[in-house]
Amino acid sequence: MIRRLYAFLVRDFYSETSYRVSFILGLGGILFRVLIFYFLAQLINPSAAPLLGAYGGDYFAFVLIGIALGGYFSTGLTGFAAALRQAQTTGTLEAMMMTPTAVSLLIVGSSLWSYTYTTFRVLVYLLIGVLLLDLNLAQANLLGALLSLMLGIIAFASIGIMAASVIMVIKRGDPITALLGNLANLVSGVYYPIEILPEWLQWLARLLPITYALRAMRLALLSGAGWGELAPDLLVLLLFCLLLFPLSLLLFRYAVEQARADGSLTHY
């Protein structure tokens, strides 16, 4: 299994880095985005501080973690569908499905590079913040943040696998992933605390795993929150994982069987 996952990772690494200019410009864009929010924070920090008391009162630190974790949500939501779409258009999907490799391994392997690159981008975000822009993570609960991240990734990936299942059957899933992505940016607290939203939008935010992952990550990294403070959000994330991940694998297996039965496995 490790060798197969490594093969997926190496294949996608060479594919992405073969477009060197695009790869380098993408990394350069991280710095510009961080600077935009840093200077924006200088403008709104006085008014935002009371709402961010639980996270240290610094809007720049708040939004930087939101952007970083939002990258994982976006990858989870679109990574599997994008990998599936590429395999369909390049004609490799059917060949992979005919190998003795488990469907679950194909799903994980196809998105492994996306998660690896997203992790690299997140580290760059945090390093720029810490080394250049006075982001203070000295009191961070790193184990708590890591557990929050892992549970969040599993929950996000489960939603992405479901989206890929829809694409397998109806061949188009862009409206679904776009709707979920925009909804998460609006209500989950990526750019602002959910407490400023109307009550009905806060209720909607509580239906999304990214809301709990963001709160747990910020409490762990910015406030050094202990396990007792993190427990409510971590338990909700665990529940999302236990419910969504097995369901997503079942749906994807069903979608593959349906596509095989009607002969549309490689259609797009």
Protein backbone atom coordinates (compact mmCIF):
# COMPACT_ATOMS: atom_id res chain seq x y z
CA MET A 1 0.00 0.00 0.00
CA ILE A 2 2.80 2.41 0.90
CA ARG A 3 4.52 1.78 -2.44
CA ARG A 4 1.32 2.46 -4.35
CA LEU A 5 0.62 5.67 -2.47
CA TYR A 6 4.20 6.77 -3.06
CA ALA A 7 3.79 6.05 -6.78
CA PHE A 8 0.71 8.29 -6.89
CA LEU A 9 2.60 11.04 -5.08
CA VAL A 10 5.65 10.88 -7.36
CA ARG A 11 3.49 10.85 -10.49
CA ASP A 12 1.54 13.95 -9.47
CA PHE A 13 4.66 15.74 -8.21
CA TYR A 14 6.36 15.44 -11.60
CA SER A 15 3.16 16.44 -13.37
CA GLU A 16 2.71 19.63 -11.31
CA THR A 17 6.34 20.74 -11.17
CA SER A 18 6.77 20.26 -14.92
CA TYR A 19 4.91 23.60 -15.21
CA ARG A 20 7.65 25.50 -13.37
CA VAL A 21 6.48 29.07 -13.97
CA SER A 22 2.96 28.31 -12.74
CA PHE A 23 4.34 26.47 -9.72
CA ILE A 24 6.66 29.34 -8.72
CA LEU A 25 4.03 32.03 -9.29
CA GLY A 26 1.60 30.08 -7.13
CA LEU A 27 4.07 30.13 -4.25
CA GLY A 28 4.76 33.82 -4.77
CA GLY A 29 1.05 34.53 -4.53
CA ILE A 30 1.09 33.31 -0.92
CA LEU A 31 3.25 36.26 0.16
CA PHE A 32 0.99 38.80 -1.51
CA ARG A 33 -2.12 37.31 0.08
CA VAL A 34 -0.57 37.27 3.54
CA LEU A 35 0.51 40.92 3.18
CA ILE A 36 -2.98 41.97 2.09
CA PHE A 37 -4.53 40.55 5.25
CA TYR A 38 -1.71 41.85 7.41
CA PHE A 39 -2.32 45.46 6.35
CA LEU A 40 -6.09 44.94 6.46
CA ALA A 41 -5.66 43.80 10.08
CA GLN A 42 -3.91 47.07 10.93
CA LEU A 43 -7.06 48.87 9.82
CA ILE A 44 -9.69 46.80 11.60
CA ASN A 45 -7.87 45.47 14.68
CA PRO A 46 -9.26 48.15 17.08
CA SER A 47 -12.88 47.33 16.22
CA ALA A 48 -12.36 43.56 15.84
CA ALA A 49 -10.43 42.98 19.08
CA PRO A 50 -13.51 42.66 21.36
CA LEU A 51 -14.96 39.93 19.13
CA LEU A 52 -11.67 38.03 19.03
CA GLY A 53 -10.92 38.00 22.73
CA ALA A 54 -10.99 34.18 22.89
CA TYR A 55 -8.26 34.05 20.21
CA GLY A 56 -5.94 36.76 21.53
CA GLY A 57 -7.65 39.75 19.89
CA ASP A 58 -5.43 39.85 16.78
CA TYR A 59 -7.35 39.77 13.50
CA PHE A 60 -4.27 38.93 11.43
CA ALA A 61 -3.59 35.76 13.43
CA PHE A 62 -7.30 34.91 13.31
CA VAL A 63 -7.64 35.23 9.55
CA LEU A 64 -4.28 33.61 8.74
CA ILE A 65 -5.36 30.38 10.42
CA GLY A 66 -8.71 30.69 8.66
CA ILE A 67 -7.01 30.91 5.27
CA ALA A 68 -4.70 28.01 6.07
CA LEU A 69 -7.45 25.64 7.22
CA GLY A 70 -9.72 26.89 4.46
CA GLY A 71 -7.13 25.54 2.03
CA TYR A 72 -7.59 22.06 3.45
CA PHE A 73 -11.37 22.38 3.16
CA SER A 74 -11.08 23.48 -0.46
CA THR A 75 -8.69 20.61 -1.21
CA GLY A 76 -10.96 18.09 0.46
CA LEU A 77 -13.98 19.43 -1.38
CA THR A 78 -12.49 19.56 -4.87
CA GLY A 79 -9.35 17.40 -4.81
CA PHE A 80 -11.02 14.03 -5.30
CA ALA A 81 -13.38 15.30 -7.97
CA ALA A 82 -10.50 16.99 -9.81
CA ALA A 83 -8.41 13.81 -9.68
CA LEU A 84 -11.34 11.78 -10.94
CA ARG A 85 -12.01 14.24 -13.75
CA GLN A 86 -8.36 14.17 -14.82
CA ALA A 87 -8.29 10.38 -14.80
CA GLN A 88 -11.43 10.31 -16.97
CA THR A 89 -10.15 12.84 -19.50
CA THR A 90 -6.69 11.22 -19.77
CA GLY A 91 -8.14 7.73 -20.09
CA THR A 92 -6.39 6.28 -17.02
CA LEU A 93 -9.44 5.77 -14.79
CA GLU A 94 -10.63 2.52 -16.31
CA ALA A 95 -7.09 1.10 -16.35
CA MET A 96 -6.66 1.88 -12.65
CA MET A 97 -10.05 0.37 -11.82
CA MET A 98 -9.04 -2.88 -13.54
CA THR A 99 -6.01 -3.34 -11.27
CA PRO A 100 -6.31 -5.23 -7.96
CA THR A 101 -5.95 -1.93 -6.08
CA ALA A 102 -8.82 -1.21 -3.69
CA VAL A 103 -11.16 1.61 -4.62
CA SER A 104 -10.44 3.34 -1.30
CA LEU A 105 -6.71 3.31 -2.08
CA LEU A 106 -7.34 4.81 -5.52
CA ILE A 107 -9.34 7.59 -3.88
CA VAL A 108 -6.67 8.39 -1.31
CA GLY A 109 -3.76 8.06 -3.74
CA SER A 110 -5.33 10.32 -6.35
CA SER A 111 -5.59 13.20 -3.90
CA LEU A 112 -2.36 12.63 -1.97
CA TRP A 113 -0.40 15.28 -3.87
CA SER A 114 -3.14 17.87 -3.33
CA TYR A 115 -2.94 17.39 0.43
CA THR A 116 0.85 17.36 0.41
CA TYR A 117 1.00 20.62 -1.52
CA THR A 118 -1.69 22.19 0.66
CA THR A 119 0.31 21.26 3.77
CA PHE A 120 3.38 22.89 2.24
CA ARG A 121 1.40 26.05 1.50
CA VAL A 122 0.05 26.16 5.06
CA LEU A 123 3.58 25.89 6.46
CA VAL A 124 4.66 28.75 4.19
CA TYR A 125 1.72 30.86 5.43
CA LEU A 126 2.66 30.25 9.06
CA LEU A 127 6.39 30.76 8.51
CA ILE A 128 5.80 34.12 6.81
CA GLY A 129 3.53 35.13 9.67
CA VAL A 130 5.94 34.05 12.41
CA LEU A 131 9.24 35.17 10.85
CA LEU A 132 8.18 38.38 9.12
CA LEU A 133 4.89 39.63 10.55
CA ASP A 134 5.02 39.01 14.31
CA LEU A 135 2.57 36.11 14.45
CA ASN A 136 2.89 34.76 18.00
CA LEU A 137 2.45 30.98 18.42
CA ALA A 138 4.63 30.66 21.52
CA GLN A 139 1.85 29.28 23.72
CA ALA A 140 0.30 27.02 21.10
CA ASN A 141 -1.06 23.59 22.01
CA LEU A 142 0.51 21.84 19.02
CA LEU A 143 -0.91 18.39 19.77
CA GLY A 144 -4.40 19.82 20.08
CA ALA A 145 -3.99 21.73 16.83
CA LEU A 146 -2.67 18.62 15.05
CA LEU A 147 -5.59 16.48 16.24
CA SER A 148 -8.05 19.18 15.17
CA LEU A 149 -6.39 19.31 11.76
CA MET A 150 -6.44 15.53 11.27
CA LEU A 151 -10.12 15.21 12.21
CA GLY A 152 -10.96 18.19 10.03
CA ILE A 153 -9.14 16.73 7.03
CA ILE A 154 -11.01 13.42 7.33
CA ALA A 155 -14.35 15.22 7.57
CA PHE A 156 -13.54 17.54 4.64
CA ALA A 157 -12.30 14.62 2.54
CA SER A 158 -15.51 12.70 3.18
CA ILE A 159 -17.56 15.53 1.68
CA GLY A 160 -15.15 15.64 -1.28
CA ILE A 161 -15.52 11.90 -1.91
CA MET A 162 -19.29 12.33 -1.96
CA ALA A 163 -18.88 15.10 -4.53
CA ALA A 164 -16.68 12.79 -6.62
CA SER A 165 -19.39 10.13 -6.38
CA VAL A 166 -21.90 12.56 -7.84
CA ILE A 167 -19.52 13.36 -10.70
CA MET A 168 -19.07 9.64 -11.38
CA VAL A 169 -22.81 9.29 -11.96
CA ILE A 170 -24.00 12.61 -13.43
CA LYS A 171 -20.59 13.68 -14.89
CA ARG A 172 -20.85 17.23 -13.56
CA GLY A 173 -20.39 18.26 -9.95
CA ASP A 174 -19.05 21.79 -10.20
CA PRO A 175 -22.26 23.52 -9.02
CA ILE A 176 -22.37 21.35 -5.89
CA THR A 177 -18.77 21.93 -4.85
CA ALA A 178 -19.00 25.64 -5.69
CA LEU A 179 -22.11 25.99 -3.52
CA LEU A 180 -20.52 24.23 -0.55
CA GLY A 181 -17.28 26.18 -0.93
CA ASN A 182 -19.04 29.53 -1.03
CA LEU A 183 -21.28 28.54 1.87
CA ALA A 184 -18.24 27.63 3.99
CA ASN A 185 -16.54 30.95 3.21
CA LEU A 186 -19.72 32.81 4.13
CA VAL A 187 -20.76 31.20 7.41
CA SER A 188 -17.99 29.03 8.89
CA GLY A 189 -15.75 31.78 10.25
CA VAL A 190 -12.88 31.71 7.77
CA TYR A 191 -12.63 35.51 7.57
CA TYR A 192 -14.65 36.68 10.58
CA PRO A 193 -16.10 35.17 13.77
CA ILE A 194 -19.49 33.55 13.29
CA GLU A 195 -20.85 35.53 16.25
CA ILE A 196 -21.40 38.55 13.98
CA LEU A 197 -23.80 36.55 11.79
CA PRO A 198 -27.58 36.44 12.20
CA GLU A 199 -28.76 33.54 14.35
CA TRP A 200 -30.13 31.55 11.39
CA LEU A 201 -26.75 31.73 9.63
CA GLN A 202 -24.97 30.67 12.83
CA TRP A 203 -27.29 27.66 12.92
CA LEU A 204 -26.26 26.87 9.34
CA ALA A 205 -22.59 27.22 10.28
CA ARG A 206 -23.02 24.54 12.94
CA LEU A 207 -23.87 22.02 10.23
CA LEU A 208 -20.40 22.34 8.66
CA PRO A 209 -17.34 20.54 10.07
CA ILE A 210 -15.02 23.40 9.12
CA THR A 211 -16.72 25.63 11.72
CA TYR A 212 -15.61 23.33 14.55
CA ALA A 213 -12.18 22.69 13.04
CA LEU A 214 -11.51 26.43 12.76
CA ARG A 215 -12.54 27.13 16.33
CA ALA A 216 -10.48 24.26 17.73
CA MET A 217 -7.41 25.20 15.66
CA ARG A 218 -7.56 28.84 16.70
CA LEU A 219 -8.07 28.03 20.37
CA ALA A 220 -5.16 25.56 20.28
CA LEU A 221 -2.72 27.76 18.34
CA LEU A 222 -3.57 31.27 19.52
CA SER A 223 -4.77 30.71 23.08
CA GLY A 224 -2.97 27.51 24.02
CA ALA A 225 -6.32 25.96 25.00
CA GLY A 226 -6.18 22.70 26.94
CA TRP A 227 -7.96 19.48 26.13
CA GLY A 228 -10.98 20.40 28.23
CA GLU A 229 -11.62 23.53 26.16
CA LEU A 230 -11.03 21.72 22.88
CA ALA A 231 -13.08 18.63 23.77
CA PRO A 232 -16.53 19.88 22.57
CA ASP A 233 -15.27 20.80 19.10
CA LEU A 234 -13.08 17.69 18.81
CA LEU A 235 -16.00 15.42 19.74
CA VAL A 236 -18.22 17.02 17.09
CA LEU A 237 -15.45 16.61 14.50
CA LEU A 238 -15.03 12.97 15.51
CA LEU A 239 -18.76 12.43 15.06
CA PHE A 240 -18.59 13.99 11.58
CA CYS A 241 -15.72 11.61 10.71
CA LEU A 242 -17.48 8.49 12.01
CA LEU A 243 -20.65 9.33 10.09
CA LEU A 244 -19.34 10.80 6.85
CA PHE A 245 -16.22 8.79 6.02
CA PRO A 246 -17.78 5.28 5.85
CA LEU A 247 -20.81 6.74 4.08
CA SER A 248 -18.62 8.47 1.49
CA LEU A 249 -16.74 5.25 0.68
CA LEU A 250 -20.01 3.34 0.30
CA LEU A 251 -21.40 6.03 -2.00
CA PHE A 252 -18.26 6.07 -4.13
CA ARG A 253 -18.26 2.28 -4.46
CA TYR A 254 -21.93 2.40 -5.45
CA ALA A 255 -21.22 5.15 -8.00
CA VAL A 256 -18.40 3.10 -9.55
CA GLU A 257 -20.62 0.03 -9.84
CA GLN A 258 -23.38 2.11 -11.42
CA ALA A 259 -20.97 3.61 -13.93
CA ARG A 260 -19.59 0.16 -14.77
CA ALA A 261 -23.10 -1.25 -15.20
CA ASP A 262 -24.20 1.41 -17.69
CA GLY A 263 -20.81 1.58 -19.43
CA SER A 264 -20.15 5.22 -18.59
CA LEU A 265 -17.11 4.80 -16.34
CA THR A 266 -14.81 6.77 -18.65
CA HIS A 267 -17.44 9.21 -19.94
CA TYR A 268 -17.13 12.87 -18.95
